[in-house]
Amino acid sequence: MARPIGAGVLLIIGGFFIFVVGLAFAVFGLAVLALFHITSILFFIGAAVGALTILVGILTLVIPSAHTILGVLGIVLAIVSLPFALGGIFLGFILALIGGILAITWKAPPEPFVDATARKV
């Protein structure tokens, strides 16, 4: 069965960059919050968006029949990563965006046609 491998791999790599930058923001945010004795969960949104982008990339490889929905979800997550994780220093944003576009435009190759007629020898 053919799969949108390029789209899935780009979504996974882009999600990794988004996750790392989101996690760095979360650690920095927790350090700042510890100094001012404030609690907030908002700093973990960037890491969560990166993890979801990685999950969408894996699902694109595992369930190729849902490539359109997963591609749209990958593009939405790439756009959401911009304010929360700087889009993984914009590299993760670009990779996830291209991966989402590739997932949407992917076409499954046609099934080979098998003719059941006998050949004359």
N, C-alpha and C. Protein backbone atom coordinates (compact mmCIF):
# COMPACT_ATOMS: atom_id res chain seq x y z
N MET A 1 0.84 -1.18 0.00
CA MET A 1 0.00 0.00 0.00
C MET A 1 0.88 1.24 0.00
N ALA A 2 0.59 2.16 -0.87
CA ALA A 2 1.37 3.39 -0.96
C ALA A 2 1.01 4.33 0.19
N ARG A 3 2.00 5.07 0.62
CA ARG A 3 1.81 5.98 1.75
C ARG A 3 2.44 7.33 1.43
N PRO A 4 1.91 8.41 2.01
CA PRO A 4 2.51 9.73 1.82
C PRO A 4 3.73 9.91 2.73
N ILE A 5 4.82 9.25 2.37
CA ILE A 5 5.99 9.19 3.24
C ILE A 5 6.63 10.58 3.41
N GLY A 6 6.76 11.31 2.33
CA GLY A 6 7.38 12.64 2.41
C GLY A 6 6.60 13.57 3.34
N ALA A 7 5.28 13.54 3.23
CA ALA A 7 4.45 14.39 4.07
C ALA A 7 4.58 14.00 5.54
N GLY A 8 4.53 12.70 5.82
CA GLY A 8 4.63 12.26 7.20
C GLY A 8 5.97 12.57 7.82
N VAL A 9 7.04 12.37 7.07
CA VAL A 9 8.38 12.63 7.60
C VAL A 9 8.59 14.13 7.86
N LEU A 10 8.12 14.97 6.94
CA LEU A 10 8.26 16.42 7.15
C LEU A 10 7.43 16.89 8.34
N LEU A 11 6.25 16.33 8.53
CA LEU A 11 5.44 16.68 9.70
C LEU A 11 6.13 16.25 11.00
N ILE A 12 6.74 15.08 10.99
CA ILE A 12 7.42 14.60 12.19
C ILE A 12 8.64 15.47 12.51
N ILE A 13 9.45 15.78 11.51
CA ILE A 13 10.64 16.60 11.75
C ILE A 13 10.24 18.01 12.17
N GLY A 14 9.25 18.60 11.49
CA GLY A 14 8.77 19.93 11.88
C GLY A 14 8.21 19.92 13.29
N GLY A 15 7.45 18.88 13.63
CA GLY A 15 6.91 18.76 14.98
C GLY A 15 8.00 18.62 16.03
N PHE A 16 9.11 17.96 15.67
CA PHE A 16 10.22 17.84 16.61
C PHE A 16 10.82 19.21 16.92
N PHE A 17 11.04 20.03 15.89
CA PHE A 17 11.58 21.37 16.12
C PHE A 17 10.61 22.21 16.95
N ILE A 18 9.33 22.12 16.65
CA ILE A 18 8.33 22.87 17.42
C ILE A 18 8.30 22.39 18.87
N PHE A 19 8.40 21.08 19.06
CA PHE A 19 8.37 20.52 20.42
C PHE A 19 9.58 20.98 21.23
N VAL A 20 10.77 20.96 20.63
CA VAL A 20 11.98 21.34 21.36
C VAL A 20 11.92 22.80 21.77
N VAL A 21 11.53 23.67 20.85
CA VAL A 21 11.45 25.10 21.18
C VAL A 21 10.33 25.35 22.19
N GLY A 22 9.19 24.68 22.03
CA GLY A 22 8.11 24.82 23.01
C GLY A 22 8.52 24.34 24.38
N LEU A 23 9.29 23.27 24.43
CA LEU A 23 9.78 22.76 25.72
C LEU A 23 10.78 23.74 26.34
N ALA A 24 11.63 24.35 25.51
CA ALA A 24 12.57 25.34 26.03
C ALA A 24 11.82 26.55 26.59
N PHE A 25 10.76 26.98 25.89
CA PHE A 25 9.95 28.08 26.41
C PHE A 25 9.28 27.68 27.72
N ALA A 26 8.83 26.43 27.81
CA ALA A 26 8.18 25.97 29.04
C ALA A 26 9.15 25.98 30.22
N VAL A 27 10.38 25.53 29.99
CA VAL A 27 11.38 25.51 31.07
C VAL A 27 11.72 26.94 31.48
N PHE A 28 11.92 27.81 30.49
CA PHE A 28 12.22 29.21 30.80
C PHE A 28 11.05 29.86 31.53
N GLY A 29 9.83 29.57 31.08
CA GLY A 29 8.65 30.14 31.72
C GLY A 29 8.48 29.66 33.15
N LEU A 30 8.78 28.40 33.39
CA LEU A 30 8.68 27.89 34.76
C LEU A 30 9.71 28.54 35.68
N ALA A 31 10.90 28.82 35.14
CA ALA A 31 11.93 29.50 35.93
C ALA A 31 11.47 30.91 36.28
N VAL A 32 10.89 31.60 35.33
CA VAL A 32 10.39 32.96 35.59
C VAL A 32 9.22 32.92 36.57
N LEU A 33 8.33 31.95 36.39
CA LEU A 33 7.18 31.85 37.29
C LEU A 33 7.59 31.49 38.71
N ALA A 34 8.64 30.70 38.85
CA ALA A 34 9.10 30.33 40.19
C ALA A 34 9.64 31.55 40.93
N LEU A 35 10.22 32.47 40.19
CA LEU A 35 10.74 33.69 40.82
C LEU A 35 9.61 34.60 41.30
N PHE A 36 8.51 34.62 40.58
CA PHE A 36 7.41 35.53 40.91
C PHE A 36 6.23 34.82 41.57
N HIS A 37 6.37 33.55 41.87
CA HIS A 37 5.36 32.76 42.57
C HIS A 37 3.99 32.82 41.87
N ILE A 38 4.03 32.64 40.56
CA ILE A 38 2.80 32.61 39.76
C ILE A 38 2.76 31.24 39.08
N THR A 39 1.58 30.71 38.88
CA THR A 39 1.48 29.44 38.16
C THR A 39 0.70 29.67 36.86
N SER A 40 1.15 29.01 35.81
CA SER A 40 0.47 29.11 34.53
C SER A 40 0.79 27.88 33.70
N ILE A 41 -0.21 27.38 33.01
CA ILE A 41 -0.04 26.22 32.14
C ILE A 41 0.21 26.65 30.70
N LEU A 42 0.11 27.94 30.42
CA LEU A 42 0.24 28.44 29.06
C LEU A 42 1.59 28.15 28.44
N PHE A 43 2.62 27.99 29.26
CA PHE A 43 3.95 27.75 28.71
C PHE A 43 4.09 26.37 28.09
N PHE A 44 3.20 25.46 28.42
CA PHE A 44 3.29 24.11 27.89
C PHE A 44 2.52 23.93 26.58
N ILE A 45 1.84 24.96 26.11
CA ILE A 45 1.08 24.85 24.88
C ILE A 45 2.00 24.61 23.69
N GLY A 46 3.15 25.28 23.64
CA GLY A 46 4.09 25.09 22.54
C GLY A 46 4.58 23.65 22.45
N ALA A 47 4.92 23.06 23.59
CA ALA A 47 5.36 21.66 23.59
C ALA A 47 4.21 20.73 23.19
N ALA A 48 3.00 21.05 23.63
CA ALA A 48 1.85 20.22 23.26
C ALA A 48 1.56 20.31 21.76
N VAL A 49 1.70 21.50 21.18
CA VAL A 49 1.49 21.65 19.74
C VAL A 49 2.54 20.85 18.97
N GLY A 50 3.78 20.86 19.44
CA GLY A 50 4.83 20.07 18.79
C GLY A 50 4.55 18.58 18.88
N ALA A 51 4.11 18.13 20.05
CA ALA A 51 3.80 16.71 20.22
C ALA A 51 2.61 16.30 19.33
N LEU A 52 1.62 17.17 19.22
CA LEU A 52 0.48 16.86 18.35
C LEU A 52 0.88 16.84 16.88
N THR A 53 1.81 17.70 16.50
CA THR A 53 2.29 17.70 15.12
C THR A 53 3.04 16.41 14.81
N ILE A 54 3.83 15.94 15.76
CA ILE A 54 4.52 14.66 15.58
C ILE A 54 3.49 13.53 15.45
N LEU A 55 2.45 13.57 16.28
CA LEU A 55 1.40 12.55 16.22
C LEU A 55 0.67 12.58 14.88
N VAL A 56 0.41 13.77 14.35
CA VAL A 56 -0.25 13.88 13.05
C VAL A 56 0.65 13.30 11.96
N GLY A 57 1.96 13.53 12.06
CA GLY A 57 2.89 12.95 11.09
C GLY A 57 2.91 11.44 11.13
N ILE A 58 2.89 10.88 12.32
CA ILE A 58 2.86 9.42 12.47
C ILE A 58 1.54 8.86 11.93
N LEU A 59 0.44 9.53 12.24
CA LEU A 59 -0.85 9.06 11.74
C LEU A 59 -0.95 9.17 10.23
N THR A 60 -0.28 10.14 9.64
CA THR A 60 -0.26 10.26 8.18
C THR A 60 0.42 9.04 7.57
N LEU A 61 1.45 8.54 8.21
CA LEU A 61 2.13 7.35 7.71
C LEU A 61 1.32 6.08 7.97
N VAL A 62 0.62 6.03 9.09
CA VAL A 62 -0.10 4.81 9.47
C VAL A 62 -1.46 4.71 8.78
N ILE A 63 -2.16 5.84 8.64
CA ILE A 63 -3.50 5.85 8.05
C ILE A 63 -3.48 6.74 6.81
N PRO A 64 -2.97 6.24 5.68
CA PRO A 64 -2.88 7.09 4.50
C PRO A 64 -4.23 7.48 3.91
N SER A 65 -5.30 6.77 4.25
CA SER A 65 -6.61 7.13 3.71
C SER A 65 -7.14 8.43 4.31
N ALA A 66 -6.61 8.87 5.43
CA ALA A 66 -7.04 10.12 6.08
C ALA A 66 -6.07 11.25 5.78
N HIS A 67 -5.37 11.18 4.65
CA HIS A 67 -4.32 12.15 4.37
C HIS A 67 -4.84 13.58 4.27
N THR A 68 -6.05 13.79 3.78
CA THR A 68 -6.56 15.15 3.63
C THR A 68 -6.83 15.79 4.98
N ILE A 69 -7.52 15.08 5.85
CA ILE A 69 -7.84 15.62 7.18
C ILE A 69 -6.57 15.84 7.98
N LEU A 70 -5.65 14.90 7.93
CA LEU A 70 -4.41 15.03 8.68
C LEU A 70 -3.54 16.15 8.11
N GLY A 71 -3.58 16.36 6.80
CA GLY A 71 -2.84 17.46 6.20
C GLY A 71 -3.36 18.81 6.66
N VAL A 72 -4.69 18.95 6.70
CA VAL A 72 -5.30 20.20 7.18
C VAL A 72 -4.95 20.41 8.65
N LEU A 73 -5.01 19.34 9.44
CA LEU A 73 -4.66 19.44 10.86
C LEU A 73 -3.18 19.82 11.03
N GLY A 74 -2.31 19.27 10.18
CA GLY A 74 -0.89 19.63 10.24
C GLY A 74 -0.66 21.09 9.92
N ILE A 75 -1.38 21.63 8.94
CA ILE A 75 -1.25 23.05 8.60
C ILE A 75 -1.76 23.93 9.74
N VAL A 76 -2.88 23.56 10.33
CA VAL A 76 -3.43 24.33 11.45
C VAL A 76 -2.46 24.32 12.63
N LEU A 77 -1.89 23.16 12.94
CA LEU A 77 -0.93 23.08 14.05
C LEU A 77 0.34 23.87 13.75
N ALA A 78 0.76 23.90 12.49
CA ALA A 78 1.93 24.69 12.12
C ALA A 78 1.66 26.18 12.34
N ILE A 79 0.46 26.63 11.99
CA ILE A 79 0.12 28.04 12.18
C ILE A 79 -0.02 28.37 13.67
N VAL A 80 -0.60 27.45 14.43
CA VAL A 80 -0.77 27.66 15.87
C VAL A 80 0.60 27.70 16.57
N SER A 81 1.59 27.01 16.01
CA SER A 81 2.90 26.98 16.64
C SER A 81 3.63 28.32 16.58
N LEU A 82 3.23 29.20 15.68
CA LEU A 82 3.93 30.48 15.55
C LEU A 82 3.90 31.31 16.83
N PRO A 83 2.74 31.56 17.45
CA PRO A 83 2.79 32.38 18.66
C PRO A 83 3.27 31.63 19.91
N PHE A 84 3.12 30.32 19.95
CA PHE A 84 3.43 29.59 21.17
C PHE A 84 4.83 29.00 21.20
N ALA A 85 5.44 28.73 20.06
CA ALA A 85 6.78 28.14 20.04
C ALA A 85 7.63 28.78 18.95
N LEU A 86 7.26 29.96 18.51
CA LEU A 86 7.93 30.65 17.40
C LEU A 86 8.07 29.75 16.18
N GLY A 87 7.13 28.83 16.04
CA GLY A 87 7.16 27.92 14.90
C GLY A 87 8.40 27.05 14.88
N GLY A 88 8.95 26.75 16.05
CA GLY A 88 10.19 25.96 16.09
C GLY A 88 11.32 26.71 15.41
N ILE A 89 11.47 27.99 15.77
CA ILE A 89 12.43 28.91 15.14
C ILE A 89 12.16 28.97 13.63
N PHE A 90 10.91 28.97 13.27
CA PHE A 90 10.37 29.06 11.90
C PHE A 90 10.75 27.87 11.02
N LEU A 91 11.77 27.12 11.37
CA LEU A 91 12.12 25.94 10.59
C LEU A 91 11.06 24.86 10.76
N GLY A 92 10.62 24.64 11.98
CA GLY A 92 9.56 23.67 12.23
C GLY A 92 8.25 24.07 11.57
N PHE A 93 7.96 25.38 11.58
CA PHE A 93 6.75 25.88 10.92
C PHE A 93 6.79 25.59 9.44
N ILE A 94 7.91 25.90 8.78
CA ILE A 94 8.02 25.69 7.33
C ILE A 94 7.93 24.21 6.99
N LEU A 95 8.64 23.36 7.74
CA LEU A 95 8.61 21.92 7.46
C LEU A 95 7.21 21.34 7.68
N ALA A 96 6.56 21.72 8.77
CA ALA A 96 5.21 21.21 9.04
C ALA A 96 4.22 21.74 8.01
N LEU A 97 4.38 22.98 7.59
CA LEU A 97 3.49 23.54 6.57
C LEU A 97 3.64 22.81 5.24
N ILE A 98 4.87 22.57 4.82
CA ILE A 98 5.10 21.84 3.58
C ILE A 98 4.60 20.40 3.71
N GLY A 99 4.82 19.76 4.86
CA GLY A 99 4.32 18.41 5.08
C GLY A 99 2.81 18.35 5.02
N GLY A 100 2.12 19.34 5.59
CA GLY A 100 0.67 19.38 5.52
C GLY A 100 0.16 19.57 4.10
N ILE A 101 0.84 20.43 3.35
CA ILE A 101 0.44 20.64 1.95
C ILE A 101 0.67 19.37 1.14
N LEU A 102 1.79 18.70 1.37
CA LEU A 102 2.05 17.45 0.66
C LEU A 102 1.02 16.38 1.01
N ALA A 103 0.60 16.35 2.28
CA ALA A 103 -0.41 15.37 2.68
C ALA A 103 -1.75 15.63 2.01
N ILE A 104 -2.11 16.91 1.87
CA ILE A 104 -3.38 17.23 1.23
C ILE A 104 -3.35 16.87 -0.25
N THR A 105 -2.25 17.16 -0.92
CA THR A 105 -2.18 16.97 -2.37
C THR A 105 -1.77 15.56 -2.79
N TRP A 106 -1.48 14.68 -1.83
CA TRP A 106 -1.04 13.33 -2.15
C TRP A 106 -2.17 12.55 -2.82
N LYS A 107 -1.82 11.86 -3.87
CA LYS A 107 -2.78 10.99 -4.56
C LYS A 107 -2.26 9.56 -4.49
N ALA A 108 -3.14 8.65 -4.13
CA ALA A 108 -2.76 7.24 -4.08
C ALA A 108 -2.58 6.74 -5.51
N PRO A 109 -1.54 5.95 -5.75
CA PRO A 109 -1.37 5.41 -7.11
C PRO A 109 -2.51 4.46 -7.45
N PRO A 110 -2.89 4.41 -8.71
CA PRO A 110 -4.01 3.53 -9.08
C PRO A 110 -3.64 2.06 -8.88
N GLU A 111 -4.65 1.30 -8.56
CA GLU A 111 -4.45 -0.14 -8.40
C GLU A 111 -4.14 -0.75 -9.76
N PRO A 112 -3.24 -1.71 -9.82
CA PRO A 112 -2.96 -2.33 -11.11
C PRO A 112 -4.18 -3.11 -11.60
N PHE A 113 -4.44 -2.97 -12.88
CA PHE A 113 -5.59 -3.64 -13.48
C PHE A 113 -5.22 -5.08 -13.83
N VAL A 114 -5.98 -6.01 -13.31
CA VAL A 114 -5.73 -7.42 -13.58
C VAL A 114 -6.85 -7.94 -14.48
N ASP A 115 -6.45 -8.42 -15.64
CA ASP A 115 -7.42 -8.96 -16.60
C ASP A 115 -7.49 -10.48 -16.40
N ALA A 116 -8.68 -11.00 -16.28
CA ALA A 116 -8.84 -12.43 -16.01
C ALA A 116 -8.96 -13.27 -17.27
N THR A 117 -8.83 -12.65 -18.44
CA THR A 117 -8.95 -13.43 -19.65
C THR A 117 -7.69 -14.25 -19.88
N ALA A 118 -7.87 -15.42 -20.46
CA ALA A 118 -6.73 -16.30 -20.74
C ALA A 118 -5.96 -15.82 -21.96
N ARG A 119 -4.67 -16.03 -21.92
CA ARG A 119 -3.85 -15.68 -23.09
C ARG A 119 -3.79 -16.85 -24.04
N LYS A 120 -3.78 -16.56 -25.32
CA LYS A 120 -3.63 -17.61 -26.32
C LYS A 120 -2.16 -17.88 -26.51
N VAL A 121 -1.83 -19.11 -26.50
CA VAL A 121 -0.42 -19.48 -26.64
C VAL A 121 -0.10 -19.83 -28.06
